Amino acid sequence: MIKKPLISAVINVRNEAEALNKCLRSIKNIADEIIIVDMSSTDGSQEIATNAGAKLYSYKPMKYVEPARNFALSKATGKWILLLDPDEFLNKTLKKELISITKRGDVDFVKIPRKNIIFGKWMRHSNSWPDYLIRFFKKGAVTWKKEIHSQPITKGNGITLLDSEKLAIQHNNYTSVSQFIIRAVRYSGIQADELFSSDYKIKTSDFVLKPIQEFNSRFFFAEGYKDGFHGLVFSILQAFAIALVYIRLWEKQGSQDKALTKESFVSASQETSFEYDFWFNKYFKNEYSSNIFKRFFLKIRLTLNYLTKNF
């Protein structure tokens, strides 16, 4: 009788040969079976998968991975599934912890913290840590929706690992600003398509308030300022990505030349100014504030106040 694998590692990949090689090395001594679903890679990813002894399958190229997740999961035969992206890696402590969980009878899926490396730095704030994801589960306990960045559907009993670096998946998220912008352009098109399909009506606040709220949520509320200039740059880029979604939606809807009314712009600006007043006063009176940041955000506040009064 052939013994079925206990743990199947499942990876979707497209043109990430270098990262895939490192990822595969990191799952040695834990994966009894490796399933790799390749989406028309041209950089040698398929050869790396084959050389690693993986079971290789093909899937049509997609703009994002979610639609291909369930196909990849269906190919795994293990009782437990370890789901990874090619740019994610496991350490020895986490591998030991996951193996020990397979011996328990009361767990169906596991939320694992993820250590995001952005522009060469581990981001401990900015909504980037602990970044819990369900990446280890019994076969059949988790399925994915097709929407981009969607959360999986689970059944059974789940546990959450401690938010410790030793128990975290390492994720080499963004290696450069250029990479971030390339992804932002791709993802914003997908999200704009989803809004377009739902007949979303664009508002002035979508271009003004929503990017500001995204920035504030990361830089202030999620304490991105503690990540220094990395936190500032990342928060600005995330705000840009949100703005880009609505700009591209406006383009898809015909780039209509609508009049920008004073009431709509002033209303959005006033809400934005109120948010900055709150967060500025709350966070720029503590030990983490710096004169550079103070001057930067003071100029933003003054600009918003000017626009509100002189539109």
C-alpha atoms as a PDB file:
ATOM      1  CA  MET A   1       0.000   0.000   0.000  1.00  0.00           C
ATOM      2  CA  ILE A   2       1.368   3.411  -1.038  1.00  0.00           C
ATOM      3  CA  LYS A   3       1.599   5.837   1.841  1.00  0.00           C
ATOM      4  CA  LYS A   4       0.017   9.205   1.087  1.00  0.00           C
ATOM      5  CA  PRO A   5       1.992  12.388   1.814  1.00  0.00           C
ATOM      6  CA  LEU A   6       1.375  14.046   5.147  1.00  0.00           C
ATOM      7  CA  ILE A   7       2.224  17.607   4.066  1.00  0.00           C
ATOM      8  CA  SER A   8       1.842  18.944   0.532  1.00  0.00           C
ATOM      9  CA  ALA A   9       3.508  22.264  -0.273  1.00  0.00           C
ATOM     10  CA  VAL A  10       1.553  24.181  -2.929  1.00  0.00           C
ATOM     11  CA  ILE A  11       3.053  27.076  -4.901  1.00  0.00           C
ATOM     12  CA  ASN A  12       1.681  29.091  -7.833  1.00  0.00           C
ATOM     13  CA  VAL A  13       4.410  30.713  -9.920  1.00  0.00           C
ATOM     14  CA  ARG A  14       5.006  32.881 -12.957  1.00  0.00           C
ATOM     15  CA  ASN A  15       8.500  34.094 -13.826  1.00  0.00           C
ATOM     16  CA  GLU A  16       9.935  34.042 -10.307  1.00  0.00           C
ATOM     17  CA  ALA A  17      12.789  31.581 -10.776  1.00  0.00           C
ATOM     18  CA  GLU A  18      15.243  33.124  -8.322  1.00  0.00           C
ATOM     19  CA  ALA A  19      12.700  33.448  -5.527  1.00  0.00           C
ATOM     20  CA  LEU A  20      11.257  30.000  -6.241  1.00  0.00           C
ATOM     21  CA  ASN A  21      14.657  28.382  -5.849  1.00  0.00           C
ATOM     22  CA  LYS A  22      15.071  29.925  -2.389  1.00  0.00           C
ATOM     23  CA  CYS A  23      11.502  29.068  -1.424  1.00  0.00           C
ATOM     24  CA  LEU A  24      11.984  25.403  -2.346  1.00  0.00           C
ATOM     25  CA  ARG A  25      15.195  25.174  -0.331  1.00  0.00           C
ATOM     26  CA  SER A  26      13.365  26.551   2.705  1.00  0.00           C
ATOM     27  CA  ILE A  27      10.688  23.841   2.713  1.00  0.00           C
ATOM     28  CA  LYS A  28      13.074  20.918   2.837  1.00  0.00           C
ATOM     29  CA  ASN A  29      12.381  18.527   5.720  1.00  0.00           C
ATOM     30  CA  ILE A  30       8.721  19.542   5.899  1.00  0.00           C
ATOM     31  CA  ALA A  31       7.127  18.935   2.489  1.00  0.00           C
ATOM     32  CA  ASP A  32       6.436  15.294   1.582  1.00  0.00           C
ATOM     33  CA  GLU A  33       4.992  16.462  -1.721  1.00  0.00           C
ATOM     34  CA  ILE A  34       5.552  19.669  -3.702  1.00  0.00           C
ATOM     35  CA  ILE A  35       2.888  20.921  -6.101  1.00  0.00           C
ATOM     36  CA  ILE A  36       3.885  23.763  -8.415  1.00  0.00           C
ATOM     37  CA  VAL A  37       1.374  25.310 -10.792  1.00  0.00           C
ATOM     38  CA  ASP A  38       3.187  27.340 -13.436  1.00  0.00           C
ATOM     39  CA  MET A  39       1.437  30.066 -15.411  1.00  0.00           C
ATOM     40  CA  SER A  40       3.554  30.164 -18.596  1.00  0.00           C
ATOM     41  CA  SER A  41       6.890  31.124 -17.043  1.00  0.00           C
ATOM     42  CA  THR A  42       9.737  31.904 -19.451  1.00  0.00           C
ATOM     43  CA  ASP A  43      12.578  32.357 -16.943  1.00  0.00           C
ATOM     44  CA  GLY A  44      13.409  28.775 -16.031  1.00  0.00           C
ATOM     45  CA  SER A  45      10.882  28.383 -13.185  1.00  0.00           C
ATOM     46  CA  GLN A  46       9.626  25.121 -14.687  1.00  0.00           C
ATOM     47  CA  GLU A  47      13.124  23.620 -14.744  1.00  0.00           C
ATOM     48  CA  ILE A  48      13.731  24.619 -11.140  1.00  0.00           C
ATOM     49  CA  ALA A  49      10.468  22.974 -10.122  1.00  0.00           C
ATOM     50  CA  THR A  50      11.314  19.755 -11.954  1.00  0.00           C
ATOM     51  CA  ASN A  51      14.850  19.622 -10.556  1.00  0.00           C
ATOM     52  CA  ALA A  52      13.418  19.976  -7.046  1.00  0.00           C
ATOM     53  CA  GLY A  53      11.262  16.893  -7.564  1.00  0.00           C
ATOM     54  CA  ALA A  54       8.017  18.860  -7.658  1.00  0.00           C
ATOM     55  CA  LYS A  55       4.865  17.772  -9.447  1.00  0.00           C
ATOM     56  CA  LEU A  56       4.491  20.400 -12.143  1.00  0.00           C
ATOM     57  CA  TYR A  57       1.152  21.546 -13.570  1.00  0.00           C
ATOM     58  CA  SER A  58       0.230  24.312 -15.986  1.00  0.00           C
ATOM     59  CA  TYR A  59      -2.441  26.982 -15.726  1.00  0.00           C
ATOM     60  CA  LYS A  60      -3.296  29.828 -18.057  1.00  0.00           C
ATOM     61  CA  PRO A  61      -1.582  33.161 -17.246  1.00  0.00           C
ATOM     62  CA  MET A  62      -3.574  35.309 -14.835  1.00  0.00           C
ATOM     63  CA  LYS A  63      -3.198  38.916 -13.731  1.00  0.00           C
ATOM     64  CA  TYR A  64      -3.350  37.736 -10.111  1.00  0.00           C
ATOM     65  CA  VAL A  65      -3.110  34.413  -8.340  1.00  0.00           C
ATOM     66  CA  GLU A  66      -6.482  33.865  -6.613  1.00  0.00           C
ATOM     67  CA  PRO A  67      -8.318  32.197  -9.549  1.00  0.00           C
ATOM     68  CA  ALA A  68      -5.544  29.591  -9.801  1.00  0.00           C
ATOM     69  CA  ARG A  69      -5.348  28.827  -6.066  1.00  0.00           C
ATOM     70  CA  ASN A  70      -8.124  26.241  -5.940  1.00  0.00           C
ATOM     71  CA  PHE A  71      -6.778  24.457  -9.019  1.00  0.00           C
ATOM     72  CA  ALA A  72      -3.395  24.137  -7.327  1.00  0.00           C
ATOM     73  CA  LEU A  73      -4.962  22.919  -4.082  1.00  0.00           C
ATOM     74  CA  SER A  74      -6.939  20.273  -5.956  1.00  0.00           C
ATOM     75  CA  LYS A  75      -3.685  18.663  -7.105  1.00  0.00           C
ATOM     76  CA  ALA A  76      -2.351  18.127  -3.576  1.00  0.00           C
ATOM     77  CA  THR A  77      -2.793  14.685  -2.031  1.00  0.00           C
ATOM     78  CA  GLY A  78      -1.448  15.404   1.460  1.00  0.00           C
ATOM     79  CA  LYS A  79      -3.552  15.453   4.600  1.00  0.00           C
ATOM     80  CA  TRP A  80      -2.092  18.899   5.341  1.00  0.00           C
ATOM     81  CA  ILE A  81      -1.354  21.681   2.885  1.00  0.00           C
ATOM     82  CA  LEU A  82       1.319  24.358   3.174  1.00  0.00           C
ATOM     83  CA  LEU A  83       0.436  27.179   0.778  1.00  0.00           C
ATOM     84  CA  LEU A  84       3.210  29.588  -0.208  1.00  0.00           C
ATOM     85  CA  ASP A  85       4.043  32.246  -2.767  1.00  0.00           C
ATOM     86  CA  PRO A  86       7.447  31.952  -4.482  1.00  0.00           C
ATOM     87  CA  ASP A  87       8.780  34.957  -2.555  1.00  0.00           C
ATOM     88  CA  GLU A  88       7.931  33.446   0.851  1.00  0.00           C
ATOM     89  CA  PHE A  89      10.279  31.355   2.974  1.00  0.00           C
ATOM     90  CA  LEU A  90      10.136  29.231   6.134  1.00  0.00           C
ATOM     91  CA  ASN A  91      12.640  29.053   8.977  1.00  0.00           C
ATOM     92  CA  LYS A  92      13.499  25.999  11.080  1.00  0.00           C
ATOM     93  CA  THR A  93      11.453  27.015  14.133  1.00  0.00           C
ATOM     94  CA  LEU A  94       8.294  27.543  12.109  1.00  0.00           C
ATOM     95  CA  LYS A  95       8.747  24.216  10.310  1.00  0.00           C
ATOM     96  CA  LYS A  96       9.040  22.388  13.626  1.00  0.00           C
ATOM     97  CA  GLU A  97       5.912  24.135  14.923  1.00  0.00           C
ATOM     98  CA  LEU A  98       3.866  23.203  11.852  1.00  0.00           C
ATOM     99  CA  ILE A  99       4.989  19.581  12.018  1.00  0.00           C
ATOM    100  CA  SER A 100       3.943  19.426  15.674  1.00  0.00           C
ATOM    101  CA  ILE A 101       0.496  20.809  14.757  1.00  0.00           C
ATOM    102  CA  THR A 102      -0.088  17.892  12.378  1.00  0.00           C
ATOM    103  CA  LYS A 103      -0.026  15.597  15.415  1.00  0.00           C
ATOM    104  CA  ARG A 104      -2.928  17.420  17.039  1.00  0.00           C
ATOM    105  CA  GLY A 105      -6.530  16.410  16.493  1.00  0.00           C
ATOM    106  CA  ASP A 106      -8.188  19.731  17.271  1.00  0.00           C
ATOM    107  CA  VAL A 107      -6.830  21.954  14.472  1.00  0.00           C
ATOM    108  CA  ASP A 108      -8.064  22.373  10.888  1.00  0.00           C
ATOM    109  CA  PHE A 109      -6.281  25.553   9.811  1.00  0.00           C
ATOM    110  CA  VAL A 110      -3.539  27.832  11.108  1.00  0.00           C
ATOM    111  CA  LYS A 111      -3.064  31.600  10.884  1.00  0.00           C
ATOM    112  CA  ILE A 112       0.641  32.337  10.530  1.00  0.00           C
ATOM    113  CA  PRO A 113       2.294  35.757  10.976  1.00  0.00           C
ATOM    114  CA  ARG A 114       4.156  37.074   7.956  1.00  0.00           C
ATOM    115  CA  LYS A 115       7.328  39.142   8.146  1.00  0.00           C
ATOM    116  CA  ASN A 116       7.186  41.586   5.234  1.00  0.00           C
ATOM    117  CA  ILE A 117      10.503  42.827   3.875  1.00  0.00           C
ATOM    118  CA  ILE A 118       9.847  46.057   1.968  1.00  0.00           C
ATOM    119  CA  PHE A 119      12.663  47.932   0.235  1.00  0.00           C
ATOM    120  CA  GLY A 120      15.140  45.860   2.209  1.00  0.00           C
ATOM    121  CA  LYS A 121      13.633  46.485   5.649  1.00  0.00           C
ATOM    122  CA  TRP A 122      11.416  44.407   7.932  1.00  0.00           C
ATOM    123  CA  MET A 123       8.353  46.609   8.352  1.00  0.00           C
ATOM    124  CA  ARG A 124       7.150  46.177  11.937  1.00  0.00           C
ATOM    125  CA  HIS A 125       4.346  48.720  11.515  1.00  0.00           C
ATOM    126  CA  SER A 126       2.441  50.337   8.596  1.00  0.00           C
ATOM    127  CA  ASN A 127      -0.178  47.526   8.645  1.00  0.00           C
ATOM    128  CA  SER A 128       2.599  45.138   7.592  1.00  0.00           C
ATOM    129  CA  TRP A 129       3.100  43.133  10.788  1.00  0.00           C
ATOM    130  CA  PRO A 130       2.060  40.587  11.926  1.00  0.00           C
ATOM    131  CA  ASP A 131       0.015  40.345   8.673  1.00  0.00           C
ATOM    132  CA  TYR A 132      -1.667  37.058   9.621  1.00  0.00           C
ATOM    133  CA  LEU A 133      -2.561  34.686   6.777  1.00  0.00           C
ATOM    134  CA  ILE A 134      -4.024  31.190   6.625  1.00  0.00           C
ATOM    135  CA  ARG A 135      -1.252  29.211   4.962  1.00  0.00           C
ATOM    136  CA  PHE A 136      -1.361  25.824   6.720  1.00  0.00           C
ATOM    137  CA  PHE A 137      -4.515  23.734   6.799  1.00  0.00           C
ATOM    138  CA  LYS A 138      -6.052  20.318   6.349  1.00  0.00           C
ATOM    139  CA  LYS A 139      -7.026  19.455   2.801  1.00  0.00           C
ATOM    140  CA  GLY A 140     -10.620  20.552   2.223  1.00  0.00           C
ATOM    141  CA  ALA A 141     -10.714  22.978   5.150  1.00  0.00           C
ATOM    142  CA  VAL A 142      -9.886  26.078   3.080  1.00  0.00           C
ATOM    143  CA  THR A 143     -11.020  27.337  -0.327  1.00  0.00           C
ATOM    144  CA  TRP A 144     -10.261  30.604  -2.084  1.00  0.00           C
ATOM    145  CA  LYS A 145     -12.544  33.172  -3.643  1.00  0.00           C
ATOM    146  CA  LYS A 146     -11.672  34.431  -7.130  1.00  0.00           C
ATOM    147  CA  GLU A 147     -11.517  38.123  -6.217  1.00  0.00           C
ATOM    148  CA  ILE A 148      -8.095  39.758  -5.902  1.00  0.00           C
ATOM    149  CA  HIS A 149      -6.648  39.860  -2.356  1.00  0.00           C
ATOM    150  CA  SER A 150      -9.719  38.003  -1.068  1.00  0.00           C
ATOM    151  CA  GLN A 151      -9.762  36.088   2.203  1.00  0.00           C
ATOM    152  CA  PRO A 152     -10.275  32.305   2.058  1.00  0.00           C
ATOM    153  CA  ILE A 153     -13.390  30.469   3.179  1.00  0.00           C
ATOM    154  CA  THR A 154     -12.673  28.149   6.108  1.00  0.00           C
ATOM    155  CA  LYS A 155     -14.403  25.380   7.986  1.00  0.00           C
ATOM    156  CA  GLY A 156     -13.468  23.666  11.210  1.00  0.00           C
ATOM    157  CA  ASN A 157     -11.320  24.904  14.076  1.00  0.00           C
ATOM    158  CA  GLY A 158      -8.490  27.363  13.539  1.00  0.00           C
ATOM    159  CA  ILE A 159      -5.591  28.530  15.699  1.00  0.00           C
ATOM    160  CA  THR A 160      -3.320  31.571  15.517  1.00  0.00           C
ATOM    161  CA  LEU A 161       0.421  31.363  16.094  1.00  0.00           C
ATOM    162  CA  LEU A 162       2.181  33.908  18.294  1.00  0.00           C
ATOM    163  CA  ASP A 163       3.295  37.075  16.525  1.00  0.00           C
ATOM    164  CA  SER A 164       6.927  36.083  16.877  1.00  0.00           C
ATOM    165  CA  GLU A 165       9.638  36.490  14.251  1.00  0.00           C
ATOM    166  CA  LYS A 166      10.649  32.869  14.910  1.00  0.00           C
ATOM    167  CA  LEU A 167       7.182  31.664  13.914  1.00  0.00           C
ATOM    168  CA  ALA A 168       6.758  33.933  10.903  1.00  0.00           C
ATOM    169  CA  ILE A 169       6.862  33.342   7.177  1.00  0.00           C
ATOM    170  CA  GLN A 170       9.423  35.678   5.626  1.00  0.00           C
ATOM    171  CA  HIS A 171       8.007  37.554   2.651  1.00  0.00           C
ATOM    172  CA  ASN A 172      10.305  39.498   0.350  1.00  0.00           C
ATOM    173  CA  ASN A 173       7.407  41.720  -0.609  1.00  0.00           C
ATOM    174  CA  TYR A 174       8.691  44.743  -2.549  1.00  0.00           C
ATOM    175  CA  THR A 175      12.360  44.910  -3.452  1.00  0.00           C
ATOM    176  CA  SER A 176      12.158  48.310  -5.183  1.00  0.00           C
ATOM    177  CA  VAL A 177       9.868  51.268  -5.779  1.00  0.00           C
ATOM    178  CA  SER A 178       9.739  50.333  -9.464  1.00  0.00           C
ATOM    179  CA  GLN A 179       8.402  46.899  -8.561  1.00  0.00           C
ATOM    180  CA  PHE A 180       5.737  48.474  -6.352  1.00  0.00           C
ATOM    181  CA  ILE A 181       4.583  50.787  -9.157  1.00  0.00           C
ATOM    182  CA  ILE A 182       4.470  47.964 -11.712  1.00  0.00           C
ATOM    183  CA  ARG A 183       2.282  45.904  -9.374  1.00  0.00           C
ATOM    184  CA  ALA A 184       0.139  48.927  -8.499  1.00  0.00           C
ATOM    185  CA  VAL A 185      -0.600  49.501 -12.172  1.00  0.00           C
ATOM    186  CA  ARG A 186      -1.584  45.841 -12.621  1.00  0.00           C
ATOM    187  CA  TYR A 187      -3.650  45.558  -9.436  1.00  0.00           C
ATOM    188  CA  SER A 188      -5.394  48.904  -9.924  1.00  0.00           C
ATOM    189  CA  GLY A 189      -6.610  47.787 -13.333  1.00  0.00           C
ATOM    190  CA  ILE A 190      -8.105  44.641 -11.827  1.00  0.00           C
ATOM    191  CA  GLN A 191      -9.772  46.531  -8.969  1.00  0.00           C
ATOM    192  CA  ALA A 192     -11.063  49.175 -11.377  1.00  0.00           C
ATOM    193  CA  ASP A 193     -12.588  46.397 -13.506  1.00  0.00           C
ATOM    194  CA  GLU A 194     -14.385  45.033 -10.439  1.00  0.00           C
ATOM    195  CA  LEU A 195     -15.794  48.470  -9.576  1.00  0.00           C
ATOM    196  CA  PHE A 196     -16.759  49.045 -13.205  1.00  0.00           C
ATOM    197  CA  SER A 197     -18.645  45.734 -13.296  1.00  0.00           C
ATOM    198  CA  SER A 198     -20.565  46.736 -10.164  1.00  0.00           C
ATOM    199  CA  ASP A 199     -21.547  50.075 -11.795  1.00  0.00           C
ATOM    200  CA  TYR A 200     -19.778  52.077  -9.085  1.00  0.00           C
ATOM    201  CA  LYS A 201     -20.423  55.831  -9.246  1.00  0.00           C
ATOM    202  CA  ILE A 202     -17.263  57.894  -8.824  1.00  0.00           C
ATOM    203  CA  LYS A 203     -17.288  60.695  -6.259  1.00  0.00           C
ATOM    204  CA  THR A 204     -14.861  63.566  -5.764  1.00  0.00           C
ATOM    205  CA  SER A 205     -13.952  62.146  -2.361  1.00  0.00           C
ATOM    206  CA  ASP A 206     -12.681  58.989  -4.046  1.00  0.00           C
ATOM    207  CA  PHE A 207      -9.784  61.001  -5.494  1.00  0.00           C
ATOM    208  CA  VAL A 208      -9.116  63.154  -2.431  1.00  0.00           C
ATOM    209  CA  LEU A 209     -10.306  61.539   0.776  1.00  0.00           C
ATOM    210  CA  LYS A 210      -9.727  57.827   0.106  1.00  0.00           C
ATOM    211  CA  PRO A 211      -5.992  58.124  -0.682  1.00  0.00           C
ATOM    212  CA  ILE A 212      -5.556  60.346   2.385  1.00  0.00           C
ATOM    213  CA  GLN A 213      -7.418  57.856   4.568  1.00  0.00           C
ATOM    214  CA  GLU A 214      -5.188  55.067   3.269  1.00  0.00           C
ATOM    215  CA  PHE A 215      -2.104  57.094   4.125  1.00  0.00           C
ATOM    216  CA  ASN A 216      -3.413  57.998   7.576  1.00  0.00           C
ATOM    217  CA  SER A 217      -4.384  54.413   8.370  1.00  0.00           C
ATOM    218  CA  ARG A 218      -0.840  53.214   7.661  1.00  0.00           C
ATOM    219  CA  PHE A 219       1.354  56.119   8.738  1.00  0.00           C
ATOM    220  CA  PHE A 220      -0.576  57.280  11.798  1.00  0.00           C
ATOM    221  CA  PHE A 221      -3.031  54.648  13.039  1.00  0.00           C
ATOM    222  CA  ALA A 222      -0.735  51.682  12.203  1.00  0.00           C
ATOM    223  CA  GLU A 223       2.265  53.712  13.437  1.00  0.00           C
ATOM    224  CA  GLY A 224       4.123  53.655  10.141  1.00  0.00           C
ATOM    225  CA  TYR A 225       6.160  56.616  11.351  1.00  0.00           C
ATOM    226  CA  LYS A 226       8.001  54.143  13.596  1.00  0.00           C
ATOM    227  CA  ASP A 227       9.347  52.560  10.409  1.00  0.00           C
ATOM    228  CA  GLY A 228      11.072  55.856   9.597  1.00  0.00           C
ATOM    229  CA  PHE A 229      11.406  56.926   5.984  1.00  0.00           C
ATOM    230  CA  HIS A 230      10.532  53.407   4.875  1.00  0.00           C
ATOM    231  CA  GLY A 231       7.163  53.862   6.581  1.00  0.00           C
ATOM    232  CA  LEU A 232       6.668  57.306   5.064  1.00  0.00           C
ATOM    233  CA  VAL A 233       7.519  56.195   1.525  1.00  0.00           C
ATOM    234  CA  PHE A 234       5.445  53.028   1.788  1.00  0.00           C
ATOM    235  CA  SER A 235       2.416  54.943   3.112  1.00  0.00           C
ATOM    236  CA  ILE A 236       2.686  57.474   0.281  1.00  0.00           C
ATOM    237  CA  LEU A 237       2.924  54.699  -2.293  1.00  0.00           C
ATOM    238  CA  GLN A 238      -0.103  52.912  -0.841  1.00  0.00           C
ATOM    239  CA  ALA A 239      -2.084  56.154  -1.032  1.00  0.00           C
ATOM    240  CA  PHE A 240      -0.975  56.514  -4.657  1.00  0.00           C
ATOM    241  CA  ALA A 241      -2.134  52.945  -5.364  1.00  0.00           C
ATOM    242  CA  ILE A 242      -5.606  53.714  -3.969  1.00  0.00           C
ATOM    243  CA  ALA A 243      -5.862  56.907  -6.018  1.00  0.00           C
ATOM    244  CA  LEU A 244      -4.795  54.986  -9.108  1.00  0.00           C
ATOM    245  CA  VAL A 245      -7.739  52.582  -8.739  1.00  0.00           C
ATOM    246  CA  TYR A 246     -10.249  55.421  -9.050  1.00  0.00           C
ATOM    247  CA  ILE A 247      -8.294  57.226 -11.752  1.00  0.00           C
ATOM    248  CA  ARG A 248      -8.333  54.072 -13.850  1.00  0.00           C
ATOM    249  CA  LEU A 249     -12.031  53.549 -13.118  1.00  0.00           C
ATOM    250  CA  TRP A 250     -12.658  57.123 -14.322  1.00  0.00           C
ATOM    251  CA  GLU A 251     -10.721  56.236 -17.485  1.00  0.00           C
ATOM    252  CA  LYS A 252     -12.743  53.030 -18.003  1.00  0.00           C
ATOM    253  CA  GLN A 253     -15.954  55.002 -17.651  1.00  0.00           C
ATOM    254  CA  GLY A 254     -14.935  57.229 -20.543  1.00  0.00           C
ATOM    255  CA  SER A 255     -12.740  59.916 -18.931  1.00  0.00           C
ATOM    256  CA  GLN A 256     -15.789  62.138 -18.698  1.00  0.00           C
ATOM    257  CA  ASP A 257     -15.094  65.856 -18.448  1.00  0.00           C
ATOM    258  CA  LYS A 258     -17.337  66.630 -15.522  1.00  0.00           C
ATOM    259  CA  ALA A 259     -17.311  69.953 -13.714  1.00  0.00           C
ATOM    260  CA  LEU A 260     -15.637  69.872 -10.308  1.00  0.00           C
ATOM    261  CA  THR A 261     -18.113  71.614  -8.041  1.00  0.00           C
ATOM    262  CA  LYS A 262     -16.937  73.754  -5.181  1.00  0.00           C
ATOM    263  CA  GLU A 263     -19.217  71.968  -2.734  1.00  0.00           C
ATOM    264  CA  SER A 264     -17.895  68.485  -3.500  1.00  0.00           C
ATOM    265  CA  PHE A 265     -14.246  69.494  -3.462  1.00  0.00           C
ATOM    266  CA  VAL A 266     -14.513  71.624  -0.326  1.00  0.00           C
ATOM    267  CA  SER A 267     -16.414  68.865   1.466  1.00  0.00           C
ATOM    268  CA  ALA A 268     -13.729  66.275   0.649  1.00  0.00           C
ATOM    269  CA  SER A 269     -10.945  68.723   1.541  1.00  0.00           C
ATOM    270  CA  GLN A 270     -12.537  69.645   4.837  1.00  0.00           C
ATOM    271  CA  GLU A 271     -12.839  65.988   5.834  1.00  0.00           C
ATOM    272  CA  THR A 272      -9.222  65.482   4.841  1.00  0.00           C
ATOM    273  CA  SER A 273      -8.115  68.536   6.798  1.00  0.00           C
ATOM    274  CA  PHE A 274     -10.050  67.331   9.846  1.00  0.00           C
ATOM    275  CA  GLU A 275      -8.311  63.954   9.671  1.00  0.00           C
ATOM    276  CA  TYR A 276      -4.895  65.573   9.458  1.00  0.00           C
ATOM    277  CA  ASP A 277      -5.641  67.883  12.357  1.00  0.00           C
ATOM    278  CA  PHE A 278      -6.602  64.892  14.484  1.00  0.00           C
ATOM    279  CA  TRP A 279      -3.650  62.671  13.576  1.00  0.00           C
ATOM    280  CA  PHE A 280      -1.118  65.490  13.480  1.00  0.00           C
ATOM    281  CA  ASN A 281      -2.002  66.659  16.996  1.00  0.00           C
ATOM    282  CA  LYS A 282      -2.202  63.099  18.295  1.00  0.00           C
ATOM    283  CA  TYR A 283       1.126  61.800  16.985  1.00  0.00           C
ATOM    284  CA  PHE A 284       3.451  64.735  16.499  1.00  0.00           C
ATOM    285  CA  LYS A 285       3.718  65.523  20.178  1.00  0.00           C
ATOM    286  CA  ASN A 286       5.464  62.298  21.123  1.00  0.00           C
ATOM    287  CA  GLU A 287       8.968  60.885  21.122  1.00  0.00           C
ATOM    288  CA  TYR A 288       8.672  59.462  17.623  1.00  0.00           C
ATOM    289  CA  SER A 289       8.076  62.784  15.902  1.00  0.00           C
ATOM    290  CA  SER A 290      10.858  64.518  14.008  1.00  0.00           C
ATOM    291  CA  ASN A 291      11.286  68.067  12.766  1.00  0.00           C
ATOM    292  CA  ILE A 292      11.382  66.809   9.165  1.00  0.00           C
ATOM    293  CA  PHE A 293       8.039  65.038   9.485  1.00  0.00           C
ATOM    294  CA  LYS A 294       6.512  67.977  11.344  1.00  0.00           C
ATOM    295  CA  ARG A 295       7.463  70.422   8.592  1.00  0.00           C
ATOM    296  CA  PHE A 296       6.280  68.019   5.896  1.00  0.00           C
ATOM    297  CA  PHE A 297       2.815  67.521   7.370  1.00  0.00           C
ATOM    298  CA  LEU A 298       2.446  71.143   8.416  1.00  0.00           C
ATOM    299  CA  LYS A 299       2.804  72.082   4.733  1.00  0.00           C
ATOM    300  CA  ILE A 300       0.102  69.541   3.830  1.00  0.00           C
ATOM    301  CA  ARG A 301      -2.260  70.997   6.419  1.00  0.00           C
ATOM    302  CA  LEU A 302      -1.641  74.556   5.228  1.00  0.00           C
ATOM    303  CA  THR A 303      -2.179  73.532   1.609  1.00  0.00           C
ATOM    304  CA  LEU A 304      -5.459  71.789   2.418  1.00  0.00           C
ATOM    305  CA  ASN A 305      -6.686  74.785   4.403  1.00  0.00           C
ATOM    306  CA  TYR A 306      -5.766  77.111   1.538  1.00  0.00           C
ATOM    307  CA  LEU A 307      -7.551  75.003  -1.061  1.00  0.00           C
ATOM    308  CA  THR A 308     -10.648  74.751   1.091  1.00  0.00           C
ATOM    309  CA  LYS A 309     -10.862  78.508   1.504  1.00  0.00           C
ATOM    310  CA  ASN A 310      -9.843  79.572  -2.014  1.00  0.00           C
ATOM    311  CA  PHE A 311     -11.390  77.016  -4.376  1.00  0.00           C
END
